[in-house]
N, C-alpha and C. Protein backbone atom coordinates (compact mmCIF):
# COMPACT_ATOMS: atom_id res chain seq x y z
N MET A 1 9.29 -4.33 23.52
CA MET A 1 8.68 -3.96 22.24
C MET A 1 7.89 -2.67 22.40
N ARG A 2 8.06 -1.77 21.48
CA ARG A 2 7.38 -0.49 21.60
C ARG A 2 5.88 -0.63 21.41
N ARG A 3 5.15 0.27 22.08
CA ARG A 3 3.69 0.17 22.04
C ARG A 3 3.12 0.35 20.66
N TRP A 4 3.78 1.18 19.83
CA TRP A 4 3.21 1.43 18.51
C TRP A 4 3.16 0.17 17.68
N ILE A 5 4.06 -0.78 17.95
CA ILE A 5 4.04 -2.04 17.22
C ILE A 5 2.76 -2.80 17.53
N LEU A 6 2.34 -2.75 18.80
CA LEU A 6 1.13 -3.47 19.21
C LEU A 6 -0.11 -2.86 18.57
N TYR A 7 -0.14 -1.54 18.47
CA TYR A 7 -1.35 -0.86 18.02
C TYR A 7 -1.42 -0.67 16.51
N VAL A 8 -0.28 -0.69 15.84
CA VAL A 8 -0.28 -0.40 14.41
C VAL A 8 0.33 -1.52 13.59
N ILE A 9 1.55 -1.92 13.91
CA ILE A 9 2.27 -2.85 13.05
C ILE A 9 1.66 -4.23 13.05
N ILE A 10 1.28 -4.74 14.25
CA ILE A 10 0.70 -6.08 14.29
C ILE A 10 -0.58 -6.14 13.48
N PRO A 11 -1.54 -5.18 13.68
CA PRO A 11 -2.73 -5.20 12.82
C PRO A 11 -2.38 -5.05 11.34
N LEU A 12 -1.32 -4.27 11.05
CA LEU A 12 -0.94 -4.06 9.67
C LEU A 12 -0.41 -5.34 9.06
N VAL A 13 0.37 -6.10 9.85
CA VAL A 13 0.88 -7.38 9.35
C VAL A 13 -0.26 -8.33 9.09
N VAL A 14 -1.25 -8.35 10.00
CA VAL A 14 -2.43 -9.19 9.78
C VAL A 14 -3.15 -8.78 8.50
N LEU A 15 -3.26 -7.45 8.29
CA LEU A 15 -3.89 -6.94 7.08
C LEU A 15 -3.15 -7.39 5.85
N ILE A 16 -1.83 -7.32 5.88
CA ILE A 16 -1.02 -7.72 4.73
C ILE A 16 -1.21 -9.20 4.44
N GLY A 17 -1.27 -10.00 5.50
CA GLY A 17 -1.51 -11.43 5.32
C GLY A 17 -2.82 -11.68 4.62
N ALA A 18 -3.85 -10.92 5.02
CA ALA A 18 -5.16 -11.07 4.37
C ALA A 18 -5.08 -10.67 2.90
N MET A 19 -4.30 -9.60 2.62
CA MET A 19 -4.16 -9.17 1.23
C MET A 19 -3.49 -10.26 0.39
N VAL A 20 -2.45 -10.89 0.96
CA VAL A 20 -1.74 -11.94 0.23
C VAL A 20 -2.67 -13.09 -0.09
N ILE A 21 -3.47 -13.51 0.91
CA ILE A 21 -4.42 -14.60 0.70
C ILE A 21 -5.42 -14.23 -0.39
N THR A 22 -5.91 -12.97 -0.34
CA THR A 22 -6.86 -12.52 -1.34
C THR A 22 -6.25 -12.57 -2.73
N VAL A 23 -5.01 -12.12 -2.84
CA VAL A 23 -4.34 -12.12 -4.14
C VAL A 23 -4.20 -13.53 -4.68
N LEU A 24 -3.81 -14.46 -3.80
CA LEU A 24 -3.64 -15.83 -4.23
C LEU A 24 -4.97 -16.44 -4.69
N ILE A 25 -6.03 -16.15 -3.96
CA ILE A 25 -7.34 -16.69 -4.31
C ILE A 25 -7.81 -16.14 -5.65
N LYS A 26 -7.62 -14.86 -5.86
CA LYS A 26 -8.13 -14.23 -7.08
C LYS A 26 -7.17 -14.37 -8.26
N GLY A 27 -5.96 -14.85 -7.99
CA GLY A 27 -5.04 -15.10 -9.09
C GLY A 27 -4.40 -13.86 -9.65
N ARG A 28 -4.30 -12.82 -8.85
CA ARG A 28 -3.66 -11.60 -9.33
C ARG A 28 -2.15 -11.79 -9.33
N ASN A 29 -1.47 -10.91 -10.08
CA ASN A 29 -0.03 -11.06 -10.23
C ASN A 29 0.77 -10.22 -9.26
N ALA A 30 0.14 -9.21 -8.63
CA ALA A 30 0.90 -8.31 -7.77
C ALA A 30 0.10 -7.95 -6.55
N LEU A 31 0.81 -7.66 -5.46
CA LEU A 31 0.15 -7.20 -4.25
C LEU A 31 -0.29 -5.76 -4.40
N PRO A 32 -1.29 -5.31 -3.60
CA PRO A 32 -1.65 -3.89 -3.61
C PRO A 32 -0.46 -3.03 -3.20
N ASP A 33 -0.47 -1.78 -3.60
CA ASP A 33 0.65 -0.89 -3.33
C ASP A 33 0.99 -0.81 -1.86
N VAL A 34 -0.04 -0.83 -0.99
CA VAL A 34 0.21 -0.67 0.44
C VAL A 34 1.14 -1.74 0.96
N SER A 35 0.97 -2.98 0.50
CA SER A 35 1.77 -4.07 1.05
C SER A 35 3.01 -4.38 0.24
N ALA A 36 3.05 -3.95 -1.02
CA ALA A 36 4.16 -4.33 -1.88
C ALA A 36 5.49 -3.82 -1.34
N VAL A 37 5.47 -2.64 -0.76
CA VAL A 37 6.71 -2.03 -0.29
C VAL A 37 7.34 -2.82 0.83
N ILE A 38 6.52 -3.41 1.70
CA ILE A 38 7.07 -4.07 2.88
C ILE A 38 6.90 -5.57 2.87
N ALA A 39 6.21 -6.10 1.87
CA ALA A 39 5.96 -7.54 1.84
C ALA A 39 7.26 -8.32 1.81
N ASP A 40 8.24 -7.87 1.02
CA ASP A 40 9.49 -8.59 0.91
C ASP A 40 10.21 -8.67 2.25
N SER A 41 10.12 -7.60 3.05
CA SER A 41 10.82 -7.57 4.33
C SER A 41 10.10 -8.38 5.39
N LEU A 42 8.75 -8.35 5.37
CA LEU A 42 7.99 -8.98 6.45
C LEU A 42 7.69 -10.45 6.19
N LEU A 43 7.62 -10.84 4.91
CA LEU A 43 7.15 -12.17 4.58
C LEU A 43 8.23 -13.06 3.98
N THR A 44 9.48 -12.61 3.99
CA THR A 44 10.57 -13.40 3.44
C THR A 44 10.92 -14.54 4.38
N ASN A 45 11.14 -15.73 3.85
CA ASN A 45 11.63 -16.85 4.65
C ASN A 45 13.10 -16.62 4.96
N LEU A 46 13.47 -16.72 6.22
CA LEU A 46 14.85 -16.49 6.60
C LEU A 46 15.74 -17.61 6.06
N PRO A 47 16.90 -17.26 5.53
CA PRO A 47 17.81 -18.29 5.01
C PRO A 47 18.40 -19.12 6.14
N ALA A 48 18.90 -20.31 5.80
CA ALA A 48 19.46 -21.22 6.80
C ALA A 48 20.76 -20.68 7.37
N ASP A 49 21.52 -19.96 6.55
CA ASP A 49 22.79 -19.40 7.02
C ASP A 49 22.53 -18.34 8.09
N VAL A 50 23.18 -18.48 9.25
CA VAL A 50 22.91 -17.61 10.39
C VAL A 50 23.20 -16.14 10.08
N LYS A 51 24.34 -15.87 9.48
CA LYS A 51 24.70 -14.48 9.19
C LYS A 51 23.73 -13.84 8.20
N ARG A 52 23.38 -14.61 7.19
CA ARG A 52 22.41 -14.07 6.22
C ARG A 52 21.05 -13.86 6.87
N ALA A 53 20.69 -14.79 7.77
CA ALA A 53 19.41 -14.67 8.47
C ALA A 53 19.40 -13.42 9.34
N GLU A 54 20.53 -13.13 10.01
CA GLU A 54 20.62 -11.93 10.85
C GLU A 54 20.46 -10.68 10.01
N LYS A 55 21.06 -10.68 8.82
CA LYS A 55 20.94 -9.52 7.94
C LYS A 55 19.50 -9.32 7.48
N GLU A 56 18.83 -10.44 7.15
CA GLU A 56 17.43 -10.35 6.72
C GLU A 56 16.54 -9.86 7.85
N PHE A 57 16.84 -10.33 9.08
CA PHE A 57 16.06 -9.90 10.23
C PHE A 57 16.27 -8.42 10.50
N GLU A 58 17.50 -7.96 10.38
CA GLU A 58 17.80 -6.53 10.57
C GLU A 58 17.11 -5.70 9.50
N LYS A 59 17.06 -6.22 8.28
CA LYS A 59 16.37 -5.54 7.20
C LYS A 59 14.89 -5.39 7.50
N ALA A 60 14.29 -6.46 8.03
CA ALA A 60 12.88 -6.41 8.38
C ALA A 60 12.63 -5.42 9.51
N GLN A 61 13.52 -5.40 10.51
CA GLN A 61 13.38 -4.45 11.62
C GLN A 61 13.44 -3.02 11.12
N ASN A 62 14.38 -2.73 10.23
CA ASN A 62 14.49 -1.38 9.68
C ASN A 62 13.24 -0.99 8.89
N ALA A 63 12.66 -1.97 8.18
CA ALA A 63 11.44 -1.69 7.43
C ALA A 63 10.30 -1.33 8.38
N LEU A 64 10.23 -2.02 9.52
CA LEU A 64 9.20 -1.72 10.50
C LEU A 64 9.40 -0.34 11.12
N LEU A 65 10.65 0.01 11.41
CA LEU A 65 10.93 1.31 12.01
C LEU A 65 10.55 2.45 11.08
N LYS A 66 10.69 2.24 9.77
CA LYS A 66 10.33 3.27 8.81
C LYS A 66 8.83 3.51 8.78
N LEU A 67 8.06 2.53 9.25
CA LEU A 67 6.61 2.67 9.26
C LEU A 67 6.11 3.42 10.48
N GLU A 68 6.98 3.63 11.46
CA GLU A 68 6.56 4.31 12.67
C GLU A 68 6.22 5.77 12.38
N PRO A 69 5.00 6.20 12.64
CA PRO A 69 4.62 7.59 12.36
C PRO A 69 5.41 8.58 13.21
N ALA A 70 5.79 9.69 12.60
CA ALA A 70 6.53 10.71 13.32
C ALA A 70 5.60 11.74 13.97
N VAL A 71 4.31 11.68 13.63
CA VAL A 71 3.32 12.64 14.16
C VAL A 71 2.15 11.85 14.73
N PRO A 72 1.27 12.51 15.51
CA PRO A 72 0.07 11.80 15.98
C PRO A 72 -0.70 11.20 14.81
N TYR A 73 -1.29 10.05 15.03
CA TYR A 73 -1.96 9.33 13.96
C TYR A 73 -3.28 8.75 14.47
N ILE A 74 -4.15 8.43 13.53
CA ILE A 74 -5.47 7.89 13.86
C ILE A 74 -5.47 6.39 13.63
N VAL A 75 -6.01 5.66 14.60
CA VAL A 75 -6.16 4.21 14.46
C VAL A 75 -7.65 3.88 14.62
N ILE A 76 -8.20 3.12 13.66
CA ILE A 76 -9.60 2.74 13.70
C ILE A 76 -9.71 1.22 13.71
N ASN A 77 -10.31 0.69 14.74
CA ASN A 77 -10.55 -0.75 14.87
C ASN A 77 -11.98 -1.02 14.45
N THR A 78 -12.17 -1.61 13.27
CA THR A 78 -13.52 -1.84 12.76
C THR A 78 -14.21 -3.01 13.46
N HIS A 79 -13.45 -3.80 14.20
CA HIS A 79 -14.04 -4.94 14.91
C HIS A 79 -14.70 -4.49 16.22
N SER A 80 -14.02 -3.61 16.92
CA SER A 80 -14.57 -3.11 18.19
C SER A 80 -15.23 -1.75 18.04
N ASN A 81 -15.15 -1.17 16.83
CA ASN A 81 -15.69 0.17 16.57
C ASN A 81 -15.13 1.20 17.56
N LYS A 82 -13.80 1.24 17.61
CA LYS A 82 -13.09 2.21 18.41
C LYS A 82 -12.15 3.02 17.53
N LEU A 83 -12.08 4.30 17.80
CA LEU A 83 -11.17 5.20 17.09
C LEU A 83 -10.34 5.94 18.11
N CYS A 84 -9.05 6.04 17.84
CA CYS A 84 -8.21 6.84 18.74
C CYS A 84 -7.21 7.66 17.94
N LEU A 85 -6.89 8.80 18.49
CA LEU A 85 -5.80 9.64 18.01
C LEU A 85 -4.69 9.45 19.02
N ARG A 86 -3.52 8.99 18.57
CA ARG A 86 -2.49 8.64 19.51
C ARG A 86 -1.09 8.98 18.97
N THR A 87 -0.14 8.93 19.88
CA THR A 87 1.27 8.99 19.53
C THR A 87 1.85 7.63 19.87
N GLU A 88 3.16 7.50 19.73
CA GLU A 88 3.81 6.23 20.05
C GLU A 88 3.55 5.83 21.50
N ASP A 89 3.52 6.80 22.42
CA ASP A 89 3.49 6.49 23.84
C ASP A 89 2.17 6.79 24.54
N SER A 90 1.26 7.50 23.88
CA SER A 90 0.05 7.88 24.61
C SER A 90 -1.15 8.02 23.68
N ILE A 91 -2.33 7.85 24.27
CA ILE A 91 -3.58 8.04 23.55
C ILE A 91 -4.09 9.45 23.85
N LEU A 92 -4.25 10.26 22.82
CA LEU A 92 -4.69 11.64 22.99
C LEU A 92 -6.21 11.73 23.07
N VAL A 93 -6.88 10.99 22.21
CA VAL A 93 -8.34 10.96 22.18
C VAL A 93 -8.77 9.54 21.85
N GLU A 94 -9.78 9.05 22.54
CA GLU A 94 -10.33 7.73 22.20
C GLU A 94 -11.84 7.81 22.26
N GLY A 95 -12.50 7.28 21.24
CA GLY A 95 -13.95 7.36 21.21
C GLY A 95 -14.57 6.16 20.52
N THR A 96 -15.84 5.98 20.76
CA THR A 96 -16.61 4.92 20.10
C THR A 96 -17.10 5.43 18.76
N CYS A 97 -16.94 4.63 17.73
CA CYS A 97 -17.35 5.03 16.40
C CYS A 97 -18.28 3.98 15.79
N SER A 98 -18.72 4.21 14.59
CA SER A 98 -19.45 3.21 13.82
C SER A 98 -18.77 3.08 12.47
N THR A 99 -18.65 1.84 11.99
CA THR A 99 -18.01 1.59 10.71
C THR A 99 -18.96 0.80 9.80
N GLY A 100 -18.45 0.38 8.65
CA GLY A 100 -19.29 -0.24 7.63
C GLY A 100 -20.03 -1.48 8.10
N SER A 101 -21.26 -1.62 7.62
CA SER A 101 -22.12 -2.73 8.02
C SER A 101 -21.75 -4.03 7.32
N GLY A 102 -21.11 -3.93 6.17
CA GLY A 102 -20.79 -5.12 5.39
C GLY A 102 -21.98 -5.65 4.60
N GLU A 103 -23.11 -4.98 4.65
CA GLU A 103 -24.30 -5.44 3.95
C GLU A 103 -24.22 -5.13 2.46
N GLU A 104 -24.96 -5.87 1.69
CA GLU A 104 -25.01 -5.69 0.24
C GLU A 104 -26.38 -5.17 -0.17
N LEU A 105 -26.37 -4.21 -1.07
CA LEU A 105 -27.61 -3.65 -1.61
C LEU A 105 -27.63 -3.90 -3.11
N ILE A 106 -28.72 -4.43 -3.62
CA ILE A 106 -28.86 -4.71 -5.05
C ILE A 106 -30.05 -3.92 -5.59
N ASP A 107 -29.83 -3.21 -6.67
CA ASP A 107 -30.90 -2.50 -7.36
C ASP A 107 -31.59 -3.49 -8.30
N SER A 108 -32.79 -3.89 -7.95
CA SER A 108 -33.49 -4.91 -8.74
C SER A 108 -33.80 -4.44 -10.16
N ALA A 109 -33.85 -3.13 -10.35
CA ALA A 109 -34.19 -2.60 -11.67
C ALA A 109 -33.01 -2.65 -12.64
N THR A 110 -31.81 -2.40 -12.12
CA THR A 110 -30.64 -2.32 -13.00
C THR A 110 -29.59 -3.39 -12.74
N GLY A 111 -29.68 -4.05 -11.60
CA GLY A 111 -28.68 -5.06 -11.25
C GLY A 111 -27.45 -4.48 -10.57
N ARG A 112 -27.38 -3.18 -10.44
CA ARG A 112 -26.25 -2.58 -9.72
C ARG A 112 -26.24 -3.04 -8.27
N HIS A 113 -25.04 -3.18 -7.71
CA HIS A 113 -24.98 -3.59 -6.30
C HIS A 113 -23.84 -2.88 -5.60
N TRP A 114 -24.00 -2.75 -4.31
CA TRP A 114 -23.02 -2.08 -3.46
C TRP A 114 -22.80 -2.93 -2.21
N ILE A 115 -21.55 -2.98 -1.72
CA ILE A 115 -21.24 -3.62 -0.45
C ILE A 115 -20.67 -2.55 0.46
N PHE A 116 -21.26 -2.39 1.62
CA PHE A 116 -20.95 -1.25 2.49
C PHE A 116 -19.91 -1.62 3.55
N ASN A 117 -18.66 -1.64 3.11
CA ASN A 117 -17.53 -1.91 4.00
C ASN A 117 -16.69 -0.65 4.18
N THR A 118 -16.12 -0.50 5.37
CA THR A 118 -15.10 0.52 5.58
C THR A 118 -13.78 -0.04 5.08
N PRO A 119 -13.07 0.69 4.24
CA PRO A 119 -11.81 0.15 3.69
C PRO A 119 -10.76 -0.05 4.78
N ARG A 120 -10.01 -1.12 4.68
CA ARG A 120 -8.90 -1.39 5.60
C ARG A 120 -7.59 -1.02 4.93
N GLY A 121 -6.65 -0.56 5.71
CA GLY A 121 -5.35 -0.23 5.16
C GLY A 121 -4.77 1.03 5.77
N VAL A 122 -3.82 1.61 5.07
CA VAL A 122 -3.13 2.82 5.52
C VAL A 122 -3.55 3.98 4.63
N PHE A 123 -4.04 5.04 5.24
CA PHE A 123 -4.53 6.20 4.50
C PHE A 123 -3.96 7.48 5.13
N LYS A 124 -4.34 8.60 4.59
CA LYS A 124 -3.99 9.90 5.16
C LYS A 124 -5.21 10.81 5.11
N VAL A 125 -5.30 11.70 6.07
CA VAL A 125 -6.35 12.72 6.02
C VAL A 125 -6.06 13.62 4.82
N ASN A 126 -6.99 13.68 3.88
CA ASN A 126 -6.74 14.48 2.67
C ASN A 126 -7.65 15.70 2.56
N SER A 127 -8.57 15.86 3.53
CA SER A 127 -9.41 17.06 3.52
C SER A 127 -10.03 17.26 4.90
N LYS A 128 -10.33 18.52 5.21
CA LYS A 128 -11.01 18.88 6.45
C LYS A 128 -12.14 19.84 6.09
N VAL A 129 -13.37 19.49 6.49
CA VAL A 129 -14.53 20.28 6.08
C VAL A 129 -15.39 20.61 7.29
N LYS A 130 -15.71 21.89 7.45
CA LYS A 130 -16.65 22.30 8.47
C LYS A 130 -18.05 22.39 7.86
N GLU A 131 -19.04 21.98 8.66
CA GLU A 131 -20.43 21.98 8.23
C GLU A 131 -20.59 21.34 6.84
N PRO A 132 -20.18 20.09 6.72
CA PRO A 132 -20.24 19.42 5.41
C PRO A 132 -21.67 19.11 4.97
N TRP A 133 -21.86 19.14 3.68
CA TRP A 133 -23.13 18.71 3.08
C TRP A 133 -22.90 17.36 2.44
N TRP A 134 -23.86 16.47 2.59
CA TRP A 134 -23.77 15.16 1.99
C TRP A 134 -24.48 15.16 0.65
N ARG A 135 -23.77 14.77 -0.39
CA ARG A 135 -24.41 14.56 -1.69
C ARG A 135 -24.85 13.11 -1.76
N LYS A 136 -26.11 12.86 -1.63
CA LYS A 136 -26.64 11.49 -1.56
C LYS A 136 -26.46 10.78 -2.90
N PRO A 137 -25.77 9.66 -2.88
CA PRO A 137 -25.59 8.90 -4.12
C PRO A 137 -26.85 8.10 -4.45
N ASP A 138 -26.83 7.43 -5.59
CA ASP A 138 -28.01 6.68 -6.03
C ASP A 138 -28.45 5.65 -5.00
N TRP A 139 -27.48 4.96 -4.39
CA TRP A 139 -27.86 3.88 -3.47
C TRP A 139 -28.67 4.39 -2.28
N ALA A 140 -28.47 5.64 -1.89
CA ALA A 140 -29.21 6.19 -0.75
C ALA A 140 -30.71 6.25 -1.03
N PHE A 141 -31.06 6.48 -2.28
CA PHE A 141 -32.47 6.53 -2.66
C PHE A 141 -33.03 5.13 -2.90
N ILE A 142 -32.20 4.30 -3.51
CA ILE A 142 -32.63 2.92 -3.76
C ILE A 142 -32.88 2.20 -2.44
N GLU A 143 -32.02 2.46 -1.47
CA GLU A 143 -32.16 1.83 -0.16
C GLU A 143 -33.48 2.20 0.51
N GLU A 144 -33.94 3.42 0.29
CA GLU A 144 -35.18 3.89 0.88
C GLU A 144 -36.37 3.69 -0.05
N ASP A 145 -36.13 2.98 -1.14
CA ASP A 145 -37.19 2.70 -2.13
C ASP A 145 -37.79 4.00 -2.66
N GLU A 146 -36.91 4.97 -2.94
CA GLU A 146 -37.33 6.25 -3.49
C GLU A 146 -36.80 6.41 -4.91
N ASP A 147 -37.46 7.24 -5.68
CA ASP A 147 -36.99 7.53 -7.03
C ASP A 147 -35.70 8.33 -6.98
N ILE A 148 -34.78 8.03 -7.89
CA ILE A 148 -33.54 8.79 -7.97
C ILE A 148 -33.86 10.17 -8.52
N PRO A 149 -33.45 11.24 -7.83
CA PRO A 149 -33.83 12.60 -8.25
C PRO A 149 -33.19 13.00 -9.57
N LYS A 150 -33.83 13.93 -10.22
CA LYS A 150 -33.34 14.42 -11.49
C LYS A 150 -32.51 15.69 -11.35
N THR A 151 -32.61 16.35 -10.19
CA THR A 151 -31.84 17.59 -9.97
C THR A 151 -30.81 17.38 -8.87
N GLU A 152 -29.72 18.11 -8.99
CA GLU A 152 -28.63 18.00 -8.01
C GLU A 152 -29.08 18.49 -6.64
N ALA A 153 -29.91 19.50 -6.60
CA ALA A 153 -30.35 20.07 -5.33
C ALA A 153 -31.09 19.05 -4.46
N GLU A 154 -31.77 18.12 -5.10
CA GLU A 154 -32.52 17.11 -4.35
C GLU A 154 -31.61 16.08 -3.68
N ARG A 155 -30.35 16.07 -4.05
CA ARG A 155 -29.41 15.11 -3.48
C ARG A 155 -28.70 15.65 -2.23
N LEU A 156 -28.76 16.94 -2.00
CA LEU A 156 -27.95 17.56 -0.97
C LEU A 156 -28.64 17.53 0.39
N ASP A 157 -27.88 17.08 1.41
CA ASP A 157 -28.39 16.98 2.78
C ASP A 157 -27.40 17.69 3.71
N PRO A 158 -27.81 18.79 4.36
CA PRO A 158 -26.88 19.57 5.18
C PRO A 158 -26.73 19.07 6.62
N GLU A 159 -27.43 18.04 7.01
CA GLU A 159 -27.43 17.63 8.41
C GLU A 159 -26.80 16.27 8.68
N MET A 160 -26.82 15.37 7.74
CA MET A 160 -26.47 13.98 7.99
C MET A 160 -25.04 13.78 8.47
N LEU A 161 -24.09 14.61 8.03
CA LEU A 161 -22.68 14.40 8.35
C LEU A 161 -22.21 15.14 9.59
N GLY A 162 -23.11 15.81 10.29
CA GLY A 162 -22.70 16.53 11.49
C GLY A 162 -21.97 17.82 11.17
N GLU A 163 -21.14 18.27 12.12
CA GLU A 163 -20.51 19.58 11.99
C GLU A 163 -19.12 19.54 11.34
N TYR A 164 -18.49 18.37 11.33
CA TYR A 164 -17.13 18.28 10.79
C TYR A 164 -16.97 16.98 10.01
N ALA A 165 -16.03 17.00 9.07
CA ALA A 165 -15.71 15.79 8.31
C ALA A 165 -14.22 15.80 7.95
N LEU A 166 -13.60 14.64 8.08
CA LEU A 166 -12.21 14.44 7.71
C LEU A 166 -12.19 13.42 6.58
N GLY A 167 -11.75 13.84 5.41
CA GLY A 167 -11.72 12.93 4.27
C GLY A 167 -10.49 12.05 4.28
N PHE A 168 -10.66 10.79 3.88
CA PHE A 168 -9.54 9.88 3.70
C PHE A 168 -9.91 8.91 2.57
N GLY A 169 -8.91 8.37 1.90
CA GLY A 169 -9.22 7.46 0.81
C GLY A 169 -9.97 8.18 -0.30
N LYS A 170 -10.78 7.44 -1.04
CA LYS A 170 -11.54 8.00 -2.15
C LYS A 170 -13.02 8.03 -1.77
N GLY A 171 -13.49 9.19 -1.32
CA GLY A 171 -14.90 9.35 -1.01
C GLY A 171 -15.31 8.90 0.38
N TYR A 172 -14.36 8.57 1.24
CA TYR A 172 -14.68 8.16 2.60
C TYR A 172 -14.33 9.27 3.59
N PHE A 173 -15.13 9.34 4.67
CA PHE A 173 -14.94 10.41 5.66
C PHE A 173 -15.09 9.87 7.08
N ILE A 174 -14.39 10.51 7.98
CA ILE A 174 -14.70 10.42 9.41
C ILE A 174 -15.58 11.63 9.68
N HIS A 175 -16.80 11.41 10.10
CA HIS A 175 -17.72 12.53 10.23
C HIS A 175 -18.69 12.33 11.40
N GLY A 176 -19.45 13.36 11.68
CA GLY A 176 -20.44 13.27 12.74
C GLY A 176 -21.68 12.52 12.29
N THR A 177 -22.67 12.47 13.18
CA THR A 177 -23.88 11.73 12.86
C THR A 177 -25.06 12.23 13.68
N ILE A 178 -26.23 12.14 13.10
CA ILE A 178 -27.46 12.46 13.85
C ILE A 178 -27.97 11.21 14.58
N TYR A 179 -27.26 10.10 14.37
CA TYR A 179 -27.67 8.84 15.00
C TYR A 179 -26.63 8.41 16.04
N GLU A 180 -26.32 9.27 16.99
CA GLU A 180 -25.29 8.96 17.97
C GLU A 180 -25.65 7.76 18.83
N ARG A 181 -26.93 7.45 18.96
CA ARG A 181 -27.34 6.29 19.75
C ARG A 181 -26.85 4.98 19.13
N LEU A 182 -26.47 5.02 17.84
CA LEU A 182 -26.01 3.82 17.16
C LEU A 182 -24.49 3.69 17.14
N LEU A 183 -23.79 4.63 17.77
CA LEU A 183 -22.32 4.53 17.82
C LEU A 183 -21.93 3.24 18.53
N GLY A 184 -20.91 2.60 17.99
CA GLY A 184 -20.47 1.31 18.54
C GLY A 184 -21.02 0.13 17.75
N ILE A 185 -21.93 0.41 16.81
CA ILE A 185 -22.53 -0.63 15.99
C ILE A 185 -22.11 -0.43 14.54
N SER A 186 -21.83 -1.52 13.86
CA SER A 186 -21.41 -1.44 12.45
C SER A 186 -22.62 -1.23 11.57
N VAL A 187 -22.95 0.02 11.31
CA VAL A 187 -24.18 0.34 10.58
C VAL A 187 -23.96 1.30 9.41
N THR A 188 -22.74 1.73 9.15
CA THR A 188 -22.54 2.76 8.13
C THR A 188 -22.42 2.15 6.74
N HIS A 189 -22.34 3.03 5.76
CA HIS A 189 -22.19 2.60 4.38
C HIS A 189 -20.73 2.64 3.94
N GLY A 190 -19.82 2.75 4.89
CA GLY A 190 -18.39 2.75 4.61
C GLY A 190 -17.63 3.84 5.34
N CYS A 191 -18.27 4.97 5.56
CA CYS A 191 -17.63 6.04 6.32
C CYS A 191 -17.54 5.67 7.79
N VAL A 192 -16.82 6.48 8.55
CA VAL A 192 -16.66 6.28 9.98
C VAL A 192 -17.39 7.39 10.71
N ARG A 193 -18.40 7.03 11.49
CA ARG A 193 -19.15 8.01 12.26
C ARG A 193 -18.55 8.13 13.65
N LEU A 194 -18.54 9.36 14.17
CA LEU A 194 -17.97 9.62 15.48
C LEU A 194 -18.84 10.64 16.21
N GLY A 195 -18.91 10.52 17.53
CA GLY A 195 -19.68 11.45 18.33
C GLY A 195 -19.17 12.88 18.20
N SER A 196 -20.04 13.83 18.37
CA SER A 196 -19.71 15.24 18.11
C SER A 196 -18.57 15.76 18.98
N GLU A 197 -18.54 15.39 20.26
CA GLU A 197 -17.49 15.89 21.15
C GLU A 197 -16.12 15.35 20.74
N ASP A 198 -16.03 14.04 20.52
CA ASP A 198 -14.75 13.44 20.11
C ASP A 198 -14.33 13.98 18.75
N LEU A 199 -15.27 14.13 17.84
CA LEU A 199 -14.95 14.59 16.50
C LEU A 199 -14.39 16.01 16.52
N LYS A 200 -14.96 16.87 17.35
CA LYS A 200 -14.48 18.26 17.43
C LYS A 200 -13.03 18.30 17.90
N VAL A 201 -12.70 17.52 18.92
CA VAL A 201 -11.33 17.50 19.44
C VAL A 201 -10.36 16.99 18.38
N ILE A 202 -10.72 15.88 17.71
CA ILE A 202 -9.84 15.31 16.70
C ILE A 202 -9.70 16.25 15.51
N TYR A 203 -10.80 16.87 15.10
CA TYR A 203 -10.76 17.80 13.97
C TYR A 203 -9.78 18.94 14.26
N ASP A 204 -9.79 19.44 15.47
CA ASP A 204 -8.92 20.55 15.83
C ASP A 204 -7.45 20.13 15.92
N LYS A 205 -7.20 18.87 16.25
CA LYS A 205 -5.83 18.42 16.49
C LYS A 205 -5.12 17.92 15.23
N VAL A 206 -5.86 17.31 14.30
CA VAL A 206 -5.18 16.70 13.17
C VAL A 206 -4.96 17.69 12.04
N LYS A 207 -3.99 17.38 11.20
CA LYS A 207 -3.67 18.19 10.04
C LYS A 207 -3.84 17.36 8.77
N ILE A 208 -3.88 18.03 7.65
CA ILE A 208 -3.86 17.32 6.37
C ILE A 208 -2.58 16.48 6.31
N GLY A 209 -2.73 15.25 5.95
CA GLY A 209 -1.56 14.36 5.88
C GLY A 209 -1.44 13.44 7.09
N THR A 210 -2.27 13.64 8.12
CA THR A 210 -2.23 12.78 9.30
C THR A 210 -2.49 11.32 8.88
N PRO A 211 -1.63 10.39 9.28
CA PRO A 211 -1.83 8.98 8.91
C PRO A 211 -3.11 8.42 9.55
N VAL A 212 -3.79 7.56 8.83
CA VAL A 212 -4.99 6.87 9.32
C VAL A 212 -4.80 5.37 9.08
N TYR A 213 -4.78 4.60 10.15
CA TYR A 213 -4.61 3.14 10.07
C TYR A 213 -5.95 2.48 10.38
N ILE A 214 -6.46 1.68 9.48
CA ILE A 214 -7.75 1.02 9.68
C ILE A 214 -7.58 -0.48 9.54
N PHE A 215 -8.06 -1.21 10.55
CA PHE A 215 -7.97 -2.67 10.48
C PHE A 215 -9.22 -3.30 11.05
């Protein structure tokens, strides 16, 4: 069995299983887009007829092969807080990261609430930013028991994200941190923090469109 199956496909299958359970619990009618394409191939019960079963198995194998990345890709393990840039056969960069804390924040004044999880699934690098500025959202002030500012300038922080940021998903980034002593601990608000040395190497190596697998 190829190594990429161990590092990507198996976690992906586990992720899809979790999605299916979630859908069943919540009573939704359709799977998320990420799993819908391959759910039929991976989760189909094999027919009793041997020839038909062989065809279904071959169909599932082909579906898995289509998922194999053709370029270096990023894998993030939110359980062990490890990030690596790898190919099918080798690890190019591996580093300790920090991912979402899973904690919930509730604004007692308005009832708004946030849960700080790093999203799981398949994504792509959609932006690369040098010397990024963080626009602090409302929850950042509520968390510190501060008043929400009235001007945009009061929201901007030029230091918190480090020297580089790689955008993925909607509003999530792999970025640096001024709290490198906390790397390896799930303490973020959803983004993925990485040490400056590892981040610089990965930033230089990846391109827009690089696959990102998070489980």
